[in-house]
Amino acid sequence: MLLRLERLAKRYGSTPVFEGVGLRLSGGEFVAIVGESGVGKSTLLNCIAGLDSLDAGQVWLGDQQVTAMSEPEQAMLRRRELGFVFQAFHVLPHLTVAQNVALPLLLLHRDDEAQVALALDEVGLVGFGERLPQTLSGGQLQRVAIARALVHRPRLLLADEPTGNLDAGTAERVMDVLVRQSRTHGCACLLVTHSHAAAARADRVMELRPDGLFAA
């Protein structure tokens, strides 16, 4: 079992967001999380990654209890084990495509141009390495974000509405890349989405409600 969530709960002040959230996710498995707006889907991903704090529950990645780690330990775990794909891309405009993709490797003190080139090839962006982000389309930027999230071969990929800003055709191509990368490299993928088409590509679809996570 790669990822295990045990009765997670999150509150903002006295207002509960969700509670009782549990999940098991194996390597190579693709799971989509759906739910109404405001139920805390993005917050749940951030809590899993240690970017936001929980009020109760435990997050396990393999045999490591993420919720018991210090902030520096969680940051190092994210660098080594996690990839995160954001809806808004978060591509740095002053860096080239190749430099953006290389960032996770640099954080691990690895300089591997061949790995960057391979990551760009895998998402269909051969020849784009020296281009700046402002010269790319939305779909191309999202594929840059996916290449960056996967370049260091993480065990867990978290994707927060990765097709939310894209047209239907581009969104389908981006989902093709996510599914292929999950299958090829055996990383587990947890996708948060409002898109029924995107959710349909997953092995399982779960619905986040205030009182837990349930099969959709």
N, C-alpha and C. Protein backbone atom coordinates (compact mmCIF):
# COMPACT_ATOMS: atom_id res chain seq x y z
N MET A 1 0.84 -1.19 0.00
CA MET A 1 0.00 0.00 0.00
C MET A 1 0.88 1.25 0.00
N LEU A 2 0.69 2.11 -0.98
CA LEU A 2 1.54 3.29 -1.08
C LEU A 2 1.04 4.44 -0.22
N LEU A 3 -0.24 4.77 -0.36
CA LEU A 3 -0.81 5.91 0.38
C LEU A 3 -1.96 5.41 1.24
N ARG A 4 -1.94 5.82 2.51
CA ARG A 4 -3.02 5.45 3.43
C ARG A 4 -3.47 6.68 4.19
N LEU A 5 -4.75 6.99 4.10
CA LEU A 5 -5.34 8.11 4.85
C LEU A 5 -6.23 7.53 5.93
N GLU A 6 -6.01 7.99 7.16
CA GLU A 6 -6.75 7.46 8.31
C GLU A 6 -7.54 8.57 8.99
N ARG A 7 -8.85 8.60 8.75
CA ARG A 7 -9.80 9.47 9.45
C ARG A 7 -9.32 10.93 9.50
N LEU A 8 -9.05 11.48 8.33
CA LEU A 8 -8.58 12.86 8.25
C LEU A 8 -9.72 13.85 8.52
N ALA A 9 -9.41 14.92 9.23
CA ALA A 9 -10.38 15.97 9.51
C ALA A 9 -9.71 17.33 9.39
N LYS A 10 -10.46 18.28 8.84
CA LYS A 10 -9.95 19.64 8.69
C LYS A 10 -11.05 20.63 9.05
N ARG A 11 -10.69 21.64 9.84
CA ARG A 11 -11.62 22.70 10.22
C ARG A 11 -10.96 24.05 9.99
N TYR A 12 -11.78 25.04 9.66
CA TYR A 12 -11.34 26.43 9.64
C TYR A 12 -12.04 27.14 10.78
N GLY A 13 -11.31 27.35 11.88
CA GLY A 13 -11.95 27.86 13.08
C GLY A 13 -12.90 26.82 13.63
N SER A 14 -14.14 27.20 13.80
CA SER A 14 -15.15 26.23 14.29
C SER A 14 -15.93 25.59 13.15
N THR A 15 -15.57 25.94 11.91
CA THR A 15 -16.30 25.42 10.75
C THR A 15 -15.63 24.17 10.21
N PRO A 16 -16.30 23.02 10.24
CA PRO A 16 -15.69 21.80 9.68
C PRO A 16 -15.69 21.84 8.16
N VAL A 17 -14.60 21.36 7.57
CA VAL A 17 -14.51 21.23 6.12
C VAL A 17 -14.83 19.79 5.73
N PHE A 18 -14.09 18.85 6.30
CA PHE A 18 -14.37 17.43 6.12
C PHE A 18 -13.87 16.69 7.35
N GLU A 19 -14.36 15.48 7.54
CA GLU A 19 -13.90 14.63 8.64
C GLU A 19 -14.11 13.17 8.24
N GLY A 20 -13.38 12.29 8.91
CA GLY A 20 -13.54 10.87 8.68
C GLY A 20 -13.07 10.39 7.32
N VAL A 21 -12.13 11.11 6.71
CA VAL A 21 -11.68 10.76 5.36
C VAL A 21 -10.66 9.63 5.42
N GLY A 22 -10.95 8.54 4.72
CA GLY A 22 -10.02 7.42 4.64
C GLY A 22 -9.85 6.98 3.19
N LEU A 23 -8.65 6.48 2.87
CA LEU A 23 -8.37 6.03 1.50
C LEU A 23 -7.15 5.12 1.50
N ARG A 24 -7.15 4.14 0.61
CA ARG A 24 -5.99 3.29 0.34
C ARG A 24 -5.67 3.41 -1.14
N LEU A 25 -4.40 3.65 -1.46
CA LEU A 25 -3.98 3.85 -2.85
C LEU A 25 -2.69 3.07 -3.09
N SER A 26 -2.70 2.21 -4.11
CA SER A 26 -1.54 1.39 -4.43
C SER A 26 -0.72 2.02 -5.55
N GLY A 27 0.53 1.61 -5.67
CA GLY A 27 1.39 2.07 -6.74
C GLY A 27 0.80 1.74 -8.10
N GLY A 28 0.82 2.69 -9.03
CA GLY A 28 0.28 2.48 -10.36
C GLY A 28 -1.21 2.69 -10.46
N GLU A 29 -1.88 2.96 -9.33
CA GLU A 29 -3.33 3.14 -9.34
C GLU A 29 -3.69 4.60 -9.55
N PHE A 30 -4.75 4.84 -10.29
CA PHE A 30 -5.21 6.19 -10.63
C PHE A 30 -6.60 6.37 -10.02
N VAL A 31 -6.71 7.30 -9.06
CA VAL A 31 -7.97 7.55 -8.37
C VAL A 31 -8.37 9.01 -8.56
N ALA A 32 -9.63 9.23 -8.92
CA ALA A 32 -10.18 10.59 -9.06
C ALA A 32 -11.07 10.90 -7.87
N ILE A 33 -10.96 12.13 -7.36
CA ILE A 33 -11.82 12.61 -6.29
C ILE A 33 -12.71 13.71 -6.84
N VAL A 34 -14.00 13.53 -6.71
CA VAL A 34 -14.98 14.53 -7.13
C VAL A 34 -15.75 15.00 -5.91
N GLY A 35 -16.58 16.02 -6.10
CA GLY A 35 -17.37 16.54 -4.99
C GLY A 35 -17.81 17.96 -5.27
N GLU A 36 -18.75 18.42 -4.49
CA GLU A 36 -19.28 19.76 -4.69
C GLU A 36 -18.21 20.81 -4.41
N SER A 37 -18.38 21.99 -5.01
CA SER A 37 -17.47 23.10 -4.75
C SER A 37 -17.52 23.46 -3.27
N GLY A 38 -16.33 23.70 -2.71
CA GLY A 38 -16.25 24.10 -1.32
C GLY A 38 -16.18 22.97 -0.32
N VAL A 39 -16.20 21.72 -0.80
CA VAL A 39 -16.16 20.59 0.12
C VAL A 39 -14.75 20.30 0.60
N GLY A 40 -13.74 20.91 -0.04
CA GLY A 40 -12.37 20.78 0.46
C GLY A 40 -11.49 19.85 -0.33
N LYS A 41 -11.76 19.66 -1.62
CA LYS A 41 -10.96 18.73 -2.42
C LYS A 41 -9.51 19.19 -2.55
N SER A 42 -9.32 20.46 -2.89
CA SER A 42 -7.95 20.98 -3.00
C SER A 42 -7.27 21.00 -1.63
N THR A 43 -8.03 21.34 -0.61
CA THR A 43 -7.49 21.33 0.75
C THR A 43 -7.02 19.94 1.14
N LEU A 44 -7.78 18.93 0.74
CA LEU A 44 -7.39 17.55 1.05
C LEU A 44 -6.05 17.21 0.40
N LEU A 45 -5.85 17.58 -0.86
CA LEU A 45 -4.57 17.33 -1.51
C LEU A 45 -3.44 18.04 -0.78
N ASN A 46 -3.68 19.30 -0.40
CA ASN A 46 -2.65 20.06 0.30
C ASN A 46 -2.31 19.43 1.65
N CYS A 47 -3.31 18.88 2.32
CA CYS A 47 -3.06 18.21 3.60
C CYS A 47 -2.26 16.92 3.40
N ILE A 48 -2.57 16.18 2.35
CA ILE A 48 -1.82 14.96 2.06
C ILE A 48 -0.36 15.28 1.81
N ALA A 49 -0.11 16.39 1.10
CA ALA A 49 1.26 16.78 0.76
C ALA A 49 1.98 17.47 1.91
N GLY A 50 1.29 17.76 2.99
CA GLY A 50 1.91 18.48 4.10
C GLY A 50 2.00 19.97 3.87
N LEU A 51 1.27 20.48 2.87
CA LEU A 51 1.26 21.92 2.60
C LEU A 51 0.23 22.64 3.46
N ASP A 52 -0.68 21.90 4.05
CA ASP A 52 -1.68 22.43 4.96
C ASP A 52 -1.79 21.46 6.13
N SER A 53 -2.22 21.97 7.28
CA SER A 53 -2.27 21.14 8.48
C SER A 53 -3.64 20.50 8.64
N LEU A 54 -3.66 19.35 9.27
CA LEU A 54 -4.89 18.64 9.60
C LEU A 54 -5.25 18.87 11.06
N ASP A 55 -6.52 18.73 11.36
CA ASP A 55 -6.96 18.80 12.75
C ASP A 55 -7.05 17.43 13.39
N ALA A 56 -7.12 16.39 12.57
CA ALA A 56 -7.14 15.02 13.08
C ALA A 56 -6.78 14.08 11.95
N GLY A 57 -6.32 12.89 12.33
CA GLY A 57 -6.05 11.85 11.36
C GLY A 57 -4.57 11.70 11.01
N GLN A 58 -4.29 10.68 10.23
CA GLN A 58 -2.91 10.36 9.86
C GLN A 58 -2.81 10.13 8.35
N VAL A 59 -1.69 10.60 7.80
CA VAL A 59 -1.34 10.34 6.41
C VAL A 59 -0.08 9.49 6.39
N TRP A 60 -0.15 8.35 5.72
CA TRP A 60 1.00 7.45 5.59
C TRP A 60 1.40 7.34 4.13
N LEU A 61 2.67 7.49 3.85
CA LEU A 61 3.23 7.22 2.53
C LEU A 61 4.18 6.04 2.70
N GLY A 62 3.76 4.88 2.23
CA GLY A 62 4.50 3.67 2.53
C GLY A 62 4.51 3.45 4.03
N ASP A 63 5.69 3.29 4.62
CA ASP A 63 5.79 3.10 6.06
C ASP A 63 6.13 4.38 6.80
N GLN A 64 6.00 5.53 6.11
CA GLN A 64 6.33 6.82 6.71
C GLN A 64 5.05 7.57 7.07
N GLN A 65 4.93 7.96 8.33
CA GLN A 65 3.78 8.73 8.77
C GLN A 65 4.06 10.21 8.52
N VAL A 66 3.48 10.73 7.47
CA VAL A 66 3.75 12.12 7.05
C VAL A 66 3.29 13.10 8.13
N THR A 67 2.16 12.82 8.75
CA THR A 67 1.60 13.74 9.74
C THR A 67 2.41 13.80 11.02
N ALA A 68 3.32 12.88 11.23
CA ALA A 68 4.17 12.90 12.44
C ALA A 68 5.50 13.59 12.19
N MET A 69 5.75 14.00 10.95
CA MET A 69 7.04 14.60 10.59
C MET A 69 7.07 16.09 10.91
N SER A 70 8.27 16.60 11.10
CA SER A 70 8.45 18.04 11.22
C SER A 70 8.30 18.69 9.84
N GLU A 71 8.15 20.01 9.80
CA GLU A 71 8.01 20.69 8.51
C GLU A 71 9.22 20.47 7.59
N PRO A 72 10.46 20.54 8.11
CA PRO A 72 11.60 20.25 7.22
C PRO A 72 11.59 18.82 6.70
N GLU A 73 11.16 17.87 7.53
CA GLU A 73 11.08 16.48 7.08
C GLU A 73 10.00 16.30 6.01
N GLN A 74 8.87 16.99 6.19
CA GLN A 74 7.82 16.93 5.18
C GLN A 74 8.29 17.55 3.86
N ALA A 75 9.03 18.66 3.94
CA ALA A 75 9.53 19.30 2.73
C ALA A 75 10.48 18.37 1.97
N MET A 76 11.33 17.67 2.70
CA MET A 76 12.25 16.74 2.04
C MET A 76 11.49 15.56 1.44
N LEU A 77 10.45 15.10 2.14
CA LEU A 77 9.63 14.02 1.59
C LEU A 77 8.96 14.46 0.30
N ARG A 78 8.43 15.69 0.26
CA ARG A 78 7.81 16.19 -0.96
C ARG A 78 8.80 16.22 -2.11
N ARG A 79 10.01 16.65 -1.83
CA ARG A 79 11.02 16.74 -2.89
C ARG A 79 11.34 15.37 -3.48
N ARG A 80 11.42 14.36 -2.62
CA ARG A 80 11.83 13.03 -3.05
C ARG A 80 10.68 12.21 -3.62
N GLU A 81 9.52 12.25 -2.97
CA GLU A 81 8.49 11.25 -3.20
C GLU A 81 7.25 11.76 -3.92
N LEU A 82 7.02 13.08 -3.95
CA LEU A 82 5.76 13.62 -4.46
C LEU A 82 5.98 14.46 -5.72
N GLY A 83 4.96 14.41 -6.59
CA GLY A 83 4.85 15.35 -7.69
C GLY A 83 3.50 16.03 -7.56
N PHE A 84 3.44 17.33 -7.85
CA PHE A 84 2.19 18.09 -7.68
C PHE A 84 1.91 18.85 -8.97
N VAL A 85 0.73 18.63 -9.55
CA VAL A 85 0.30 19.34 -10.75
C VAL A 85 -0.82 20.28 -10.36
N PHE A 86 -0.60 21.58 -10.57
CA PHE A 86 -1.58 22.59 -10.17
C PHE A 86 -2.44 23.02 -11.36
N GLN A 87 -3.67 23.43 -11.07
CA GLN A 87 -4.55 23.92 -12.12
C GLN A 87 -3.97 25.15 -12.81
N ALA A 88 -3.34 26.03 -12.04
CA ALA A 88 -2.82 27.29 -12.57
C ALA A 88 -1.39 27.16 -13.10
N PHE A 89 -0.91 25.93 -13.29
CA PHE A 89 0.39 25.62 -13.88
C PHE A 89 1.56 25.94 -12.94
N HIS A 90 1.63 27.20 -12.43
CA HIS A 90 2.75 27.65 -11.59
C HIS A 90 4.10 27.44 -12.29
N VAL A 91 4.13 27.70 -13.58
CA VAL A 91 5.37 27.68 -14.34
C VAL A 91 6.03 29.05 -14.20
N LEU A 92 7.32 29.09 -13.91
CA LEU A 92 8.02 30.36 -13.70
C LEU A 92 8.31 31.02 -15.04
N PRO A 93 7.81 32.25 -15.26
CA PRO A 93 7.87 32.87 -16.59
C PRO A 93 9.27 33.25 -17.05
N HIS A 94 10.21 33.47 -16.12
CA HIS A 94 11.54 33.92 -16.50
C HIS A 94 12.50 32.76 -16.78
N LEU A 95 12.02 31.52 -16.58
CA LEU A 95 12.83 30.35 -16.86
C LEU A 95 12.35 29.68 -18.14
N THR A 96 13.26 29.06 -18.85
CA THR A 96 12.87 28.29 -20.03
C THR A 96 12.07 27.06 -19.62
N VAL A 97 11.46 26.41 -20.59
CA VAL A 97 10.72 25.19 -20.33
C VAL A 97 11.61 24.15 -19.65
N ALA A 98 12.81 23.95 -20.20
CA ALA A 98 13.73 22.95 -19.63
C ALA A 98 14.13 23.32 -18.20
N GLN A 99 14.35 24.59 -17.94
CA GLN A 99 14.73 25.02 -16.60
C GLN A 99 13.58 24.82 -15.61
N ASN A 100 12.35 25.06 -16.05
CA ASN A 100 11.19 24.81 -15.19
C ASN A 100 11.09 23.33 -14.85
N VAL A 101 11.24 22.48 -15.85
CA VAL A 101 11.13 21.03 -15.62
C VAL A 101 12.25 20.53 -14.71
N ALA A 102 13.41 21.15 -14.79
CA ALA A 102 14.58 20.70 -14.03
C ALA A 102 14.51 21.07 -12.55
N LEU A 103 13.58 21.93 -12.15
CA LEU A 103 13.57 22.43 -10.77
C LEU A 103 13.53 21.33 -9.71
N PRO A 104 12.69 20.31 -9.82
CA PRO A 104 12.70 19.26 -8.78
C PRO A 104 14.04 18.55 -8.67
N LEU A 105 14.74 18.37 -9.81
CA LEU A 105 16.06 17.73 -9.76
C LEU A 105 17.07 18.63 -9.06
N LEU A 106 16.99 19.95 -9.32
CA LEU A 106 17.92 20.88 -8.67
C LEU A 106 17.72 20.89 -7.16
N LEU A 107 16.46 20.77 -6.71
CA LEU A 107 16.19 20.73 -5.28
C LEU A 107 16.78 19.49 -4.63
N LEU A 108 16.98 18.44 -5.44
CA LEU A 108 17.60 17.20 -4.96
C LEU A 108 19.10 17.16 -5.28
N HIS A 109 19.63 18.31 -5.72
CA HIS A 109 21.06 18.44 -6.05
C HIS A 109 21.47 17.48 -7.16
N ARG A 110 20.57 17.33 -8.12
CA ARG A 110 20.85 16.50 -9.29
C ARG A 110 20.77 17.35 -10.54
N ASP A 111 21.76 17.26 -11.37
CA ASP A 111 21.78 17.98 -12.64
C ASP A 111 21.78 16.94 -13.75
N ASP A 112 20.61 16.71 -14.32
CA ASP A 112 20.45 15.60 -15.26
C ASP A 112 19.70 16.09 -16.49
N GLU A 113 20.44 16.63 -17.46
CA GLU A 113 19.81 17.15 -18.68
C GLU A 113 19.12 16.04 -19.46
N ALA A 114 19.68 14.84 -19.42
CA ALA A 114 19.07 13.72 -20.15
C ALA A 114 17.71 13.38 -19.56
N GLN A 115 17.58 13.44 -18.23
CA GLN A 115 16.30 13.14 -17.59
C GLN A 115 15.27 14.21 -17.95
N VAL A 116 15.70 15.48 -18.00
CA VAL A 116 14.79 16.57 -18.39
C VAL A 116 14.32 16.36 -19.83
N ALA A 117 15.26 16.04 -20.71
CA ALA A 117 14.90 15.80 -22.11
C ALA A 117 13.92 14.64 -22.25
N LEU A 118 14.13 13.59 -21.46
CA LEU A 118 13.24 12.43 -21.49
C LEU A 118 11.85 12.81 -21.00
N ALA A 119 11.79 13.62 -19.93
CA ALA A 119 10.49 14.05 -19.39
C ALA A 119 9.72 14.87 -20.42
N LEU A 120 10.42 15.74 -21.14
CA LEU A 120 9.76 16.54 -22.18
C LEU A 120 9.29 15.66 -23.33
N ASP A 121 10.09 14.67 -23.67
CA ASP A 121 9.71 13.73 -24.73
C ASP A 121 8.44 12.98 -24.33
N GLU A 122 8.37 12.56 -23.07
CA GLU A 122 7.24 11.76 -22.61
C GLU A 122 5.92 12.53 -22.63
N VAL A 123 5.98 13.86 -22.53
CA VAL A 123 4.75 14.66 -22.58
C VAL A 123 4.56 15.32 -23.94
N GLY A 124 5.37 14.93 -24.92
CA GLY A 124 5.19 15.43 -26.28
C GLY A 124 5.71 16.83 -26.52
N LEU A 125 6.78 17.21 -25.83
CA LEU A 125 7.32 18.56 -25.97
C LEU A 125 8.79 18.55 -26.39
N VAL A 126 9.17 17.61 -27.24
CA VAL A 126 10.52 17.59 -27.78
C VAL A 126 10.75 18.88 -28.58
N GLY A 127 11.89 19.52 -28.35
CA GLY A 127 12.21 20.74 -29.07
C GLY A 127 11.70 22.01 -28.41
N PHE A 128 10.99 21.88 -27.28
CA PHE A 128 10.43 23.05 -26.59
C PHE A 128 11.31 23.53 -25.44
N GLY A 129 12.42 22.86 -25.18
CA GLY A 129 13.20 23.13 -23.97
C GLY A 129 13.69 24.54 -23.82
N GLU A 130 14.05 25.20 -24.92
CA GLU A 130 14.62 26.54 -24.83
C GLU A 130 13.57 27.64 -24.94
N ARG A 131 12.33 27.27 -25.10
CA ARG A 131 11.28 28.28 -25.22
C ARG A 131 10.87 28.80 -23.86
N LEU A 132 10.34 30.02 -23.84
CA LEU A 132 9.83 30.62 -22.61
C LEU A 132 8.34 30.33 -22.49
N PRO A 133 7.83 30.26 -21.27
CA PRO A 133 6.44 29.88 -21.06
C PRO A 133 5.42 30.76 -21.80
N GLN A 134 5.72 32.05 -21.94
CA GLN A 134 4.73 32.93 -22.57
C GLN A 134 4.51 32.64 -24.05
N THR A 135 5.35 31.79 -24.63
CA THR A 135 5.18 31.42 -26.04
C THR A 135 4.37 30.14 -26.20
N LEU A 136 3.88 29.56 -25.10
CA LEU A 136 3.19 28.27 -25.13
C LEU A 136 1.69 28.44 -24.92
N SER A 137 0.93 27.49 -25.42
CA SER A 137 -0.51 27.45 -25.19
C SER A 137 -0.80 26.91 -23.80
N GLY A 138 -2.08 27.00 -23.39
CA GLY A 138 -2.46 26.48 -22.08
C GLY A 138 -2.20 25.00 -21.94
N GLY A 139 -2.51 24.24 -22.99
CA GLY A 139 -2.27 22.80 -22.94
C GLY A 139 -0.80 22.47 -22.87
N GLN A 140 0.02 23.23 -23.59
CA GLN A 140 1.47 23.00 -23.54
C GLN A 140 2.02 23.35 -22.16
N LEU A 141 1.51 24.43 -21.55
CA LEU A 141 1.96 24.79 -20.21
C LEU A 141 1.60 23.72 -19.20
N GLN A 142 0.42 23.13 -19.35
CA GLN A 142 0.03 22.08 -18.41
C GLN A 142 0.92 20.84 -18.59
N ARG A 143 1.32 20.55 -19.81
CA ARG A 143 2.22 19.43 -20.04
C ARG A 143 3.62 19.72 -19.48
N VAL A 144 4.04 20.98 -19.51
CA VAL A 144 5.29 21.36 -18.84
C VAL A 144 5.16 21.08 -17.34
N ALA A 145 4.01 21.46 -16.76
CA ALA A 145 3.79 21.23 -15.33
C ALA A 145 3.80 19.75 -14.99
N ILE A 146 3.24 18.93 -15.87
CA ILE A 146 3.25 17.48 -15.64
C ILE A 146 4.67 16.93 -15.73
N ALA A 147 5.42 17.38 -16.75
CA ALA A 147 6.82 16.93 -16.89
C ALA A 147 7.62 17.31 -15.65
N ARG A 148 7.40 18.51 -15.13
CA ARG A 148 8.10 18.96 -13.92
C ARG A 148 7.72 18.10 -12.72
N ALA A 149 6.44 17.74 -12.62
CA ALA A 149 5.98 16.94 -11.49
C ALA A 149 6.52 15.52 -11.52
N LEU A 150 6.87 15.03 -12.70
CA LEU A 150 7.26 13.63 -12.86
C LEU A 150 8.75 13.42 -13.13
N VAL A 151 9.50 14.50 -13.34
CA VAL A 151 10.88 14.36 -13.80
C VAL A 151 11.75 13.59 -12.81
N HIS A 152 11.44 13.70 -11.51
CA HIS A 152 12.25 13.03 -10.49
C HIS A 152 11.67 11.67 -10.10
N ARG A 153 10.70 11.19 -10.90
CA ARG A 153 10.09 9.88 -10.71
C ARG A 153 9.51 9.71 -9.31
N PRO A 154 8.52 10.54 -8.94
CA PRO A 154 7.92 10.43 -7.61
C PRO A 154 7.08 9.17 -7.49
N ARG A 155 6.86 8.74 -6.27
CA ARG A 155 6.00 7.59 -6.03
C ARG A 155 4.52 7.98 -6.02
N LEU A 156 4.23 9.26 -5.72
CA LEU A 156 2.85 9.73 -5.63
C LEU A 156 2.71 11.02 -6.41
N LEU A 157 1.72 11.07 -7.29
CA LEU A 157 1.41 12.27 -8.08
C LEU A 157 0.06 12.81 -7.62
N LEU A 158 0.04 14.07 -7.22
CA LEU A 158 -1.19 14.75 -6.83
C LEU A 158 -1.52 15.78 -7.89
N ALA A 159 -2.72 15.73 -8.45
CA ALA A 159 -3.11 16.63 -9.54
C ALA A 159 -4.39 17.36 -9.15
N ASP A 160 -4.30 18.68 -9.06
CA ASP A 160 -5.41 19.52 -8.61
C ASP A 160 -6.06 20.22 -9.80
N GLU A 161 -7.18 19.70 -10.27
CA GLU A 161 -7.91 20.26 -11.41
C GLU A 161 -6.98 20.56 -12.59
N PRO A 162 -6.19 19.59 -13.06
CA PRO A 162 -5.20 19.89 -14.09
C PRO A 162 -5.79 20.22 -15.46
N THR A 163 -7.09 19.94 -15.65
CA THR A 163 -7.73 20.25 -16.94
C THR A 163 -8.74 21.39 -16.81
N GLY A 164 -8.78 22.03 -15.65
CA GLY A 164 -9.82 23.03 -15.38
C GLY A 164 -9.78 24.24 -16.29
N ASN A 165 -8.59 24.61 -16.78
CA ASN A 165 -8.46 25.80 -17.62
C ASN A 165 -8.34 25.47 -19.10
N LEU A 166 -8.64 24.24 -19.48
CA LEU A 166 -8.36 23.78 -20.84
C LEU A 166 -9.65 23.43 -21.58
N ASP A 167 -9.60 23.57 -22.92
CA ASP A 167 -10.73 23.13 -23.73
C ASP A 167 -10.78 21.61 -23.74
N ALA A 168 -11.90 21.06 -24.22
CA ALA A 168 -12.15 19.63 -24.10
C ALA A 168 -11.08 18.80 -24.80
N GLY A 169 -10.67 19.19 -26.01
CA GLY A 169 -9.68 18.42 -26.74
C GLY A 169 -8.32 18.43 -26.06
N THR A 170 -7.90 19.63 -25.60
CA THR A 170 -6.62 19.75 -24.91
C THR A 170 -6.66 19.00 -23.58
N ALA A 171 -7.80 19.09 -22.89
CA ALA A 171 -7.95 18.38 -21.62
C ALA A 171 -7.80 16.88 -21.81
N GLU A 172 -8.35 16.35 -22.88
CA GLU A 172 -8.22 14.91 -23.14
C GLU A 172 -6.78 14.51 -23.37
N ARG A 173 -6.03 15.35 -24.10
CA ARG A 173 -4.62 15.04 -24.35
C ARG A 173 -3.81 15.10 -23.06
N VAL A 174 -4.12 16.06 -22.19
CA VAL A 174 -3.43 16.16 -20.90
C VAL A 174 -3.73 14.93 -20.05
N MET A 175 -4.98 14.47 -20.06
CA MET A 175 -5.33 13.26 -19.31
C MET A 175 -4.61 12.05 -19.90
N ASP A 176 -4.45 11.99 -21.22
CA ASP A 176 -3.69 10.90 -21.83
C ASP A 176 -2.29 10.84 -21.24
N VAL A 177 -1.67 12.02 -21.09
CA VAL A 177 -0.30 12.08 -20.55
C VAL A 177 -0.28 11.59 -19.10
N LEU A 178 -1.22 12.06 -18.28
CA LEU A 178 -1.26 11.66 -16.87
C LEU A 178 -1.46 10.15 -16.72
N VAL A 179 -2.40 9.60 -17.47
CA VAL A 179 -2.66 8.16 -17.37
C VAL A 179 -1.46 7.37 -17.84
N ARG A 180 -0.87 7.78 -18.95
CA ARG A 180 0.29 7.05 -19.49
C ARG A 180 1.46 7.08 -18.52
N GLN A 181 1.70 8.23 -17.91
CA GLN A 181 2.83 8.34 -16.99
C GLN A 181 2.60 7.49 -15.74
N SER A 182 1.37 7.46 -15.26
CA SER A 182 1.06 6.64 -14.10
C SER A 182 1.30 5.16 -14.41
N ARG A 183 0.86 4.73 -15.59
CA ARG A 183 1.01 3.33 -15.97
C ARG A 183 2.48 2.98 -16.25
N THR A 184 3.20 3.88 -16.93
CA THR A 184 4.58 3.60 -17.33
C THR A 184 5.51 3.51 -16.14
N HIS A 185 5.36 4.43 -15.20
CA HIS A 185 6.33 4.53 -14.10
C HIS A 185 5.81 3.97 -12.78
N GLY A 186 4.57 3.54 -12.76
CA GLY A 186 4.05 2.89 -11.56
C GLY A 186 3.79 3.80 -10.39
N CYS A 187 3.73 5.11 -10.64
CA CYS A 187 3.42 6.01 -9.54
C CYS A 187 1.91 6.03 -9.33
N ALA A 188 1.50 6.21 -8.10
CA ALA A 188 0.08 6.36 -7.80
C ALA A 188 -0.34 7.78 -8.12
N CYS A 189 -1.54 7.95 -8.65
CA CYS A 189 -2.02 9.29 -9.01
C CYS A 189 -3.35 9.55 -8.32
N LEU A 190 -3.43 10.69 -7.65
CA LEU A 190 -4.66 11.13 -7.01
C LEU A 190 -5.07 12.43 -7.67
N LEU A 191 -6.20 12.40 -8.36
CA LEU A 191 -6.66 13.51 -9.18
C LEU A 191 -7.91 14.13 -8.56
N VAL A 192 -7.90 15.45 -8.37
CA VAL A 192 -9.09 16.18 -7.96
C VAL A 192 -9.65 16.87 -9.20
N THR A 193 -10.96 16.69 -9.46
CA THR A 193 -11.52 17.24 -10.68
C THR A 193 -13.02 17.48 -10.55
N HIS A 194 -13.50 18.48 -11.32
CA HIS A 194 -14.94 18.68 -11.51
C HIS A 194 -15.40 18.03 -12.81
N SER A 195 -14.45 17.57 -13.62
CA SER A 195 -14.75 17.08 -14.96
C SER A 195 -15.15 15.61 -14.93
N HIS A 196 -16.35 15.31 -15.42
CA HIS A 196 -16.78 13.92 -15.50
C HIS A 196 -15.91 13.15 -16.49
N ALA A 197 -15.49 13.82 -17.58
CA ALA A 197 -14.65 13.16 -18.57
C ALA A 197 -13.30 12.78 -17.99
N ALA A 198 -12.71 13.68 -17.19
CA ALA A 198 -11.42 13.38 -16.56
C ALA A 198 -11.57 12.27 -15.52
N ALA A 199 -12.63 12.33 -14.72
CA ALA A 199 -12.84 11.32 -13.68
C ALA A 199 -13.05 9.94 -14.30
N ALA A 200 -13.65 9.90 -15.49
CA ALA A 200 -13.93 8.62 -16.13
C ALA A 200 -12.67 7.88 -16.54
N ARG A 201 -11.53 8.57 -16.59
CA ARG A 201 -10.26 7.94 -16.96
C ARG A 201 -9.61 7.20 -15.80
N ALA A 202 -10.12 7.42 -14.59
CA ALA A 202 -9.50 6.85 -13.39
C ALA A 202 -9.92 5.40 -13.18
N ASP A 203 -9.11 4.68 -12.41
CA ASP A 203 -9.46 3.31 -12.00
C ASP A 203 -10.63 3.30 -11.03
N ARG A 204 -10.66 4.30 -10.16
CA ARG A 204 -11.74 4.45 -9.18
C ARG A 204 -12.10 5.92 -9.08
N VAL A 205 -13.37 6.18 -8.80
CA VAL A 205 -13.83 7.55 -8.56
C VAL A 205 -14.41 7.60 -7.15
N MET A 206 -13.92 8.56 -6.36
CA MET A 206 -14.37 8.74 -5.00
C MET A 206 -15.00 10.12 -4.86
N GLU A 207 -16.04 10.21 -4.05
CA GLU A 207 -16.70 11.50 -3.81
C GLU A 207 -16.37 11.98 -2.40
N LEU A 208 -15.84 13.20 -2.32
CA LEU A 208 -15.55 13.81 -1.02
C LEU A 208 -16.81 14.52 -0.54
N ARG A 209 -17.25 14.14 0.68
CA ARG A 209 -18.38 14.79 1.34
C ARG A 209 -17.89 15.28 2.70
N PRO A 210 -18.66 16.14 3.35
CA PRO A 210 -18.23 16.63 4.66
C PRO A 210 -17.95 15.52 5.67
N ASP A 211 -18.61 14.36 5.51
CA ASP A 211 -18.45 13.28 6.49
C ASP A 211 -17.57 12.14 5.99
N GLY A 212 -16.80 12.35 4.90
CA GLY A 212 -15.87 11.33 4.48
C GLY A 212 -15.72 11.22 2.99
N LEU A 213 -15.02 10.16 2.57
CA LEU A 213 -14.73 9.88 1.17
C LEU A 213 -15.41 8.57 0.80
N PHE A 214 -16.26 8.61 -0.24
CA PHE A 214 -17.10 7.46 -0.57
C PHE A 214 -16.99 7.12 -2.05
N ALA A 215 -17.18 5.86 -2.39
CA ALA A 215 -17.19 5.45 -3.78
C ALA A 215 -18.32 6.17 -4.51
N ALA A 216 -17.98 6.76 -5.68
CA ALA A 216 -18.98 7.52 -6.45
C ALA A 216 -19.78 6.58 -7.36
